[in-house]
Structures are given as C-alpha cells and as structure tokens.
Amino acid sequence: MAVDDDRYMREALEEAAKAEAAGEVPVGAVVVQAGRITGRGHNAPIARNDPTAHAEILALRQAAEAAGNYRLEDATLYVTLEPCVMCAGALVAARVRRLVFGARDLRFGGVRSKFRLADSELLNHRVEVVEGILGAECTALLQRFFEARR
C-alpha cells in the first residue's frame, strides 16, 4: 500500500505545482478508485473567485461526476496538505473510505491539527486517515511558496 500511496501523492504534488504556477497556494489532490485516478484538483479560489475551490473539493467533484454518484465509498483521496474543516466535511459527506495527506496544516487543519472531523465518533461515517506520506516534500513546497512572498 505504501508504494501506491507514494505514487498517488506524487500525482497530488503535480497538481500542487499547477496551483503554484497559477499563483495559488500549492495544494493538490487526486481521488483514486479501483487503482485509477478518477478526480484531480488543485487550489483555485483566486482564479475561480470561489472560496470553495480547494483542491479536495475540485477533485471530489470530478470523481463524483465520473462515478455518476455523490457517494465515493471505495475512494481514497490523496492531498498534499491536511484538509480544512470544509474539505473534511466533504470527505465525510461523500463517504470517502480513506484520506492520505502529506503535511499538517497547523493553522486550519480539520483532520488532525485543529479538529478531528474526518474520523469523529460523533458522525455516522468515519474516514480512515493516513498522514505524513511524502510529508517533507509537501511541506517544502508550501514553505518555498510562502517564503517567496515575504
């Protein structure tokens, strides 16, 4: 599983690079179902004038469209940065089976850092959470982005 996790996180890092090239915070995500990528996304709230245009939301929308179903029960979402509360809620609503993320978001993290929404015992669905996959690379990308803006 770890080999596949690395492979798909590299795909998410490629999406993050697209966000960076567009001047957006470099976060990327991919949704994998049955060993194939069914959704891709990178941060685009500035370009889309849409506060919900986070990498995870865009990837989930594309995967749901491909599946013809808003429920993605067999899916794994790979994302370079820990999802915020909005995105963690979307994972639960979509019934995503597994979340794999690279770096923690100490300011806004909704899965581990600030809240534990995705696998909360208070909810009817719990997402399996794996963290730290290619974490150093994910963190370095974000650090370079923000350092260049200071």
C-alpha atoms as a PDB file:
ATOM      1  CA  MET A   1       0.000   0.000   0.000  1.00  0.00           C
ATOM      2  CA  ALA A   2       2.815   2.432   0.864  1.00  0.00           C
ATOM      3  CA  VAL A   3       4.235   2.198  -2.668  1.00  0.00           C
ATOM      4  CA  ASP A   4       0.867   3.151  -4.134  1.00  0.00           C
ATOM      5  CA  ASP A   5       0.482   5.895  -1.532  1.00  0.00           C
ATOM      6  CA  ASP A   6       3.795   7.408  -2.641  1.00  0.00           C
ATOM      7  CA  ARG A   7       2.822   7.116  -6.310  1.00  0.00           C
ATOM      8  CA  TYR A   8      -0.523   8.844  -5.895  1.00  0.00           C
ATOM      9  CA  MET A   9       0.883  11.510  -3.558  1.00  0.00           C
ATOM     10  CA  ARG A  10       3.363  12.348  -6.328  1.00  0.00           C
ATOM     11  CA  GLU A  11       0.351  12.892  -8.601  1.00  0.00           C
ATOM     12  CA  ALA A  12      -1.111  15.212  -5.967  1.00  0.00           C
ATOM     13  CA  LEU A  13       2.217  17.076  -5.825  1.00  0.00           C
ATOM     14  CA  GLU A  14       1.999  17.576  -9.599  1.00  0.00           C
ATOM     15  CA  GLU A  15      -1.426  19.137  -9.094  1.00  0.00           C
ATOM     16  CA  ALA A  16       0.007  21.355  -6.343  1.00  0.00           C
ATOM     17  CA  ALA A  17       2.677  22.572  -8.774  1.00  0.00           C
ATOM     18  CA  LYS A  18      -0.116  23.671 -11.146  1.00  0.00           C
ATOM     19  CA  ALA A  19      -1.638  25.743  -8.353  1.00  0.00           C
ATOM     20  CA  GLU A  20       1.723  27.315  -7.589  1.00  0.00           C
ATOM     21  CA  ALA A  21       2.278  28.177 -11.256  1.00  0.00           C
ATOM     22  CA  ALA A  22      -1.084  29.974 -11.207  1.00  0.00           C
ATOM     23  CA  GLY A  23      -0.187  31.954  -8.081  1.00  0.00           C
ATOM     24  CA  GLU A  24      -2.450  29.904  -5.828  1.00  0.00           C
ATOM     25  CA  VAL A  25      -1.398  28.233  -2.577  1.00  0.00           C
ATOM     26  CA  PRO A  26       0.223  24.998  -3.812  1.00  0.00           C
ATOM     27  CA  VAL A  27      -2.160  22.282  -2.689  1.00  0.00           C
ATOM     28  CA  GLY A  28      -3.050  19.385  -4.952  1.00  0.00           C
ATOM     29  CA  ALA A  29      -5.332  16.378  -4.676  1.00  0.00           C
ATOM     30  CA  VAL A  30      -6.288  13.224  -6.535  1.00  0.00           C
ATOM     31  CA  VAL A  31      -9.092  10.727  -5.951  1.00  0.00           C
ATOM     32  CA  VAL A  32      -8.294   7.077  -6.622  1.00  0.00           C
ATOM     33  CA  GLN A  33     -10.888   4.363  -7.149  1.00  0.00           C
ATOM     34  CA  ALA A  34     -10.087   0.776  -8.135  1.00  0.00           C
ATOM     35  CA  GLY A  35      -6.474   1.677  -8.825  1.00  0.00           C
ATOM     36  CA  ARG A  36      -7.202   4.560 -11.166  1.00  0.00           C
ATOM     37  CA  ILE A  37      -7.363   8.320 -10.737  1.00  0.00           C
ATOM     38  CA  THR A  38     -10.944   9.494 -11.196  1.00  0.00           C
ATOM     39  CA  GLY A  39     -10.568  13.049  -9.926  1.00  0.00           C
ATOM     40  CA  ARG A  40      -7.866  15.710  -9.883  1.00  0.00           C
ATOM     41  CA  GLY A  41      -7.787  19.151  -8.368  1.00  0.00           C
ATOM     42  CA  HIS A  42      -5.527  21.957  -7.279  1.00  0.00           C
ATOM     43  CA  ASN A  43      -6.291  25.094  -5.323  1.00  0.00           C
ATOM     44  CA  ALA A  44      -8.085  27.685  -7.462  1.00  0.00           C
ATOM     45  CA  PRO A  45     -10.125  30.029  -5.233  1.00  0.00           C
ATOM     46  CA  ILE A  46      -8.441  33.125  -6.674  1.00  0.00           C
ATOM     47  CA  ALA A  47      -8.813  32.105 -10.322  1.00  0.00           C
ATOM     48  CA  ARG A  48     -12.412  30.958  -9.858  1.00  0.00           C
ATOM     49  CA  ASN A  49     -13.481  33.661  -7.403  1.00  0.00           C
ATOM     50  CA  ASP A  50     -14.777  30.764  -5.347  1.00  0.00           C
ATOM     51  CA  PRO A  51     -13.888  30.247  -1.676  1.00  0.00           C
ATOM     52  CA  THR A  52     -14.807  26.567  -2.014  1.00  0.00           C
ATOM     53  CA  ALA A  53     -12.394  25.884  -4.895  1.00  0.00           C
ATOM     54  CA  HIS A  54      -9.970  23.926  -2.748  1.00  0.00           C
ATOM     55  CA  ALA A  55      -8.004  21.073  -4.302  1.00  0.00           C
ATOM     56  CA  GLU A  56     -10.001  18.430  -2.434  1.00  0.00           C
ATOM     57  CA  ILE A  57     -13.404  19.834  -3.397  1.00  0.00           C
ATOM     58  CA  LEU A  58     -12.464  20.062  -7.076  1.00  0.00           C
ATOM     59  CA  ALA A  59     -11.067  16.516  -7.085  1.00  0.00           C
ATOM     60  CA  LEU A  60     -14.167  15.162  -5.304  1.00  0.00           C
ATOM     61  CA  ARG A  61     -16.477  16.904  -7.789  1.00  0.00           C
ATOM     62  CA  GLN A  62     -14.622  15.392 -10.738  1.00  0.00           C
ATOM     63  CA  ALA A  63     -14.614  11.904  -9.179  1.00  0.00           C
ATOM     64  CA  ALA A  64     -18.321  12.088  -8.327  1.00  0.00           C
ATOM     65  CA  GLU A  65     -19.087  13.158 -11.899  1.00  0.00           C
ATOM     66  CA  ALA A  66     -17.037  10.231 -13.244  1.00  0.00           C
ATOM     67  CA  ALA A  67     -18.801   7.811 -10.878  1.00  0.00           C
ATOM     68  CA  GLY A  68     -22.255   9.237 -11.526  1.00  0.00           C
ATOM     69  CA  ASN A  69     -22.747   9.273  -7.763  1.00  0.00           C
ATOM     70  CA  TYR A  70     -22.060  11.725  -4.953  1.00  0.00           C
ATOM     71  CA  ARG A  71     -21.019   8.827  -2.735  1.00  0.00           C
ATOM     72  CA  LEU A  72     -17.450   7.700  -3.236  1.00  0.00           C
ATOM     73  CA  GLU A  73     -17.408   4.808  -0.782  1.00  0.00           C
ATOM     74  CA  ASP A  74     -14.483   2.957  -2.349  1.00  0.00           C
ATOM     75  CA  ALA A  75     -12.334   6.066  -2.880  1.00  0.00           C
ATOM     76  CA  THR A  76      -9.067   7.263  -1.430  1.00  0.00           C
ATOM     77  CA  LEU A  77      -8.307  10.975  -1.566  1.00  0.00           C
ATOM     78  CA  TYR A  78      -4.638  11.978  -1.653  1.00  0.00           C
ATOM     79  CA  VAL A  79      -3.878  15.598  -0.798  1.00  0.00           C
ATOM     80  CA  THR A  80      -0.630  17.405  -0.131  1.00  0.00           C
ATOM     81  CA  LEU A  81      -1.947  19.400   2.846  1.00  0.00           C
ATOM     82  CA  GLU A  82      -4.231  18.378   5.692  1.00  0.00           C
ATOM     83  CA  PRO A  83      -7.816  19.259   4.723  1.00  0.00           C
ATOM     84  CA  CYS A  84      -9.598  22.194   6.337  1.00  0.00           C
ATOM     85  CA  VAL A  85     -12.931  21.726   8.119  1.00  0.00           C
ATOM     86  CA  MET A  86     -14.914  22.375   4.904  1.00  0.00           C
ATOM     87  CA  CYS A  87     -12.969  19.751   2.976  1.00  0.00           C
ATOM     88  CA  ALA A  88     -13.013  17.256   5.854  1.00  0.00           C
ATOM     89  CA  GLY A  89     -16.801  17.626   5.969  1.00  0.00           C
ATOM     90  CA  ALA A  90     -16.990  16.984   2.230  1.00  0.00           C
ATOM     91  CA  LEU A  91     -14.993  13.771   2.677  1.00  0.00           C
ATOM     92  CA  VAL A  92     -17.485  12.571   5.275  1.00  0.00           C
ATOM     93  CA  ALA A  93     -20.491  13.606   3.157  1.00  0.00           C
ATOM     94  CA  ALA A  94     -19.059  11.751   0.151  1.00  0.00           C
ATOM     95  CA  ARG A  95     -18.379   8.676   2.315  1.00  0.00           C
ATOM     96  CA  VAL A  96     -14.742   8.580   1.164  1.00  0.00           C
ATOM     97  CA  ARG A  97     -13.134   5.441   2.574  1.00  0.00           C
ATOM     98  CA  ARG A  98      -9.602   6.727   3.049  1.00  0.00           C
ATOM     99  CA  LEU A  99      -7.736  10.033   3.253  1.00  0.00           C
ATOM    100  CA  VAL A 100      -3.977  10.242   2.733  1.00  0.00           C
ATOM    101  CA  PHE A 101      -2.320  13.613   3.323  1.00  0.00           C
ATOM    102  CA  GLY A 102       1.250  14.826   3.286  1.00  0.00           C
ATOM    103  CA  ALA A 103       1.720  17.848   5.566  1.00  0.00           C
ATOM    104  CA  ARG A 104      -0.236  19.013   8.578  1.00  0.00           C
ATOM    105  CA  ASP A 105      -1.919  22.408   8.448  1.00  0.00           C
ATOM    106  CA  LEU A 106      -1.219  23.784  11.893  1.00  0.00           C
ATOM    107  CA  ARG A 107      -3.404  26.858  11.324  1.00  0.00           C
ATOM    108  CA  PHE A 108      -6.530  25.436   9.696  1.00  0.00           C
ATOM    109  CA  GLY A 109      -6.286  21.633   9.780  1.00  0.00           C
ATOM    110  CA  GLY A 110      -9.651  19.954  10.190  1.00  0.00           C
ATOM    111  CA  VAL A 111      -8.445  16.357  10.386  1.00  0.00           C
ATOM    112  CA  ARG A 112      -5.644  16.322  12.965  1.00  0.00           C
ATOM    113  CA  SER A 113      -4.158  19.739  13.786  1.00  0.00           C
ATOM    114  CA  LYS A 114      -7.169  21.767  14.989  1.00  0.00           C
ATOM    115  CA  PHE A 115     -10.098  19.344  14.719  1.00  0.00           C
ATOM    116  CA  ARG A 116     -10.596  15.623  14.148  1.00  0.00           C
ATOM    117  CA  LEU A 117     -13.619  15.836  11.910  1.00  0.00           C
ATOM    118  CA  ALA A 118     -12.980  13.104   9.325  1.00  0.00           C
ATOM    119  CA  ASP A 119     -12.951  10.229  11.801  1.00  0.00           C
ATOM    120  CA  SER A 120     -15.038  11.708  14.614  1.00  0.00           C
ATOM    121  CA  GLU A 121     -17.084   9.224  16.591  1.00  0.00           C
ATOM    122  CA  LEU A 122     -19.897  11.810  16.591  1.00  0.00           C
ATOM    123  CA  LEU A 123     -20.541  11.288  12.872  1.00  0.00           C
ATOM    124  CA  ASN A 124     -22.185   8.424  11.010  1.00  0.00           C
ATOM    125  CA  HIS A 125     -19.193   7.916   8.698  1.00  0.00           C
ATOM    126  CA  ARG A 126     -15.527   7.749   9.633  1.00  0.00           C
ATOM    127  CA  VAL A 127     -12.754   8.217   7.096  1.00  0.00           C
ATOM    128  CA  GLU A 128      -9.573   6.194   7.595  1.00  0.00           C
ATOM    129  CA  VAL A 129      -6.772   8.772   7.925  1.00  0.00           C
ATOM    130  CA  VAL A 130      -3.131   8.268   6.943  1.00  0.00           C
ATOM    131  CA  GLU A 131      -0.762  11.190   7.337  1.00  0.00           C
ATOM    132  CA  GLY A 132       2.823  12.047   6.511  1.00  0.00           C
ATOM    133  CA  ILE A 133       3.125  10.431   3.070  1.00  0.00           C
ATOM    134  CA  LEU A 134       5.861  12.443   1.288  1.00  0.00           C
ATOM    135  CA  GLY A 135       5.358  14.945   4.089  1.00  0.00           C
ATOM    136  CA  ALA A 136       8.793  16.547   3.738  1.00  0.00           C
ATOM    137  CA  GLU A 137       8.212  17.230   0.031  1.00  0.00           C
ATOM    138  CA  CYS A 138       4.710  18.601   0.638  1.00  0.00           C
ATOM    139  CA  THR A 139       5.958  20.861   3.436  1.00  0.00           C
ATOM    140  CA  ALA A 140       8.944  22.090   1.405  1.00  0.00           C
ATOM    141  CA  LEU A 141       6.683  23.097  -1.496  1.00  0.00           C
ATOM    142  CA  LEU A 142       4.496  25.184   0.798  1.00  0.00           C
ATOM    143  CA  GLN A 143       7.457  26.727   2.612  1.00  0.00           C
ATOM    144  CA  ARG A 144       9.123  27.784  -0.655  1.00  0.00           C
ATOM    145  CA  PHE A 145       5.860  29.299  -1.869  1.00  0.00           C
ATOM    146  CA  PHE A 146       5.324  31.424   1.238  1.00  0.00           C
ATOM    147  CA  GLU A 147       8.990  32.400   1.615  1.00  0.00           C
ATOM    148  CA  ALA A 148       8.952  33.749  -1.949  1.00  0.00           C
ATOM    149  CA  ARG A 149       6.050  36.029  -0.990  1.00  0.00           C
ATOM    150  CA  ARG A 150       7.698  37.552   2.084  1.00  0.00           C
END
